[in-house]
Amino acid sequence: MRALSSSDVTIVFIECLRCGHRGVIDPDTLARYGMPPEVTLAKLTRALVCQVCGSRATKAFRSDPGEVEVFLAGT
C-alpha cells in the first residue's frame, strides 16, 4: 500500500450499513478528532458511530470532493 501524497483526495465518504445514513468527513474534521488526513479507512471506521441509529457498522471510501452532493443525495 502506498502512502497518500498531497495531491491525493482527502474527503472521506461514510455510509452506515444499518440505516443507510450518509456523511462526509473533511480534513479539518479529521484533525479535530486527532486523525491525520492520511488515516487508514480501517482505523477511521473503527472509530465511527452512526449519528442516526448508533450503529458501528460503516463503510468508508475516499473520492473527489466534487462528488459530495451526489453521494449525500444517494444517487
Foldseek 3Di string as FASTA:
>chain_A
DDFDDPPDFQKKWKAAPPPGQIDIDHQVNCVVVPHHSRDDQVVVLCPDADPPPRDSRMGMDGDDPVCRVVVNVPD
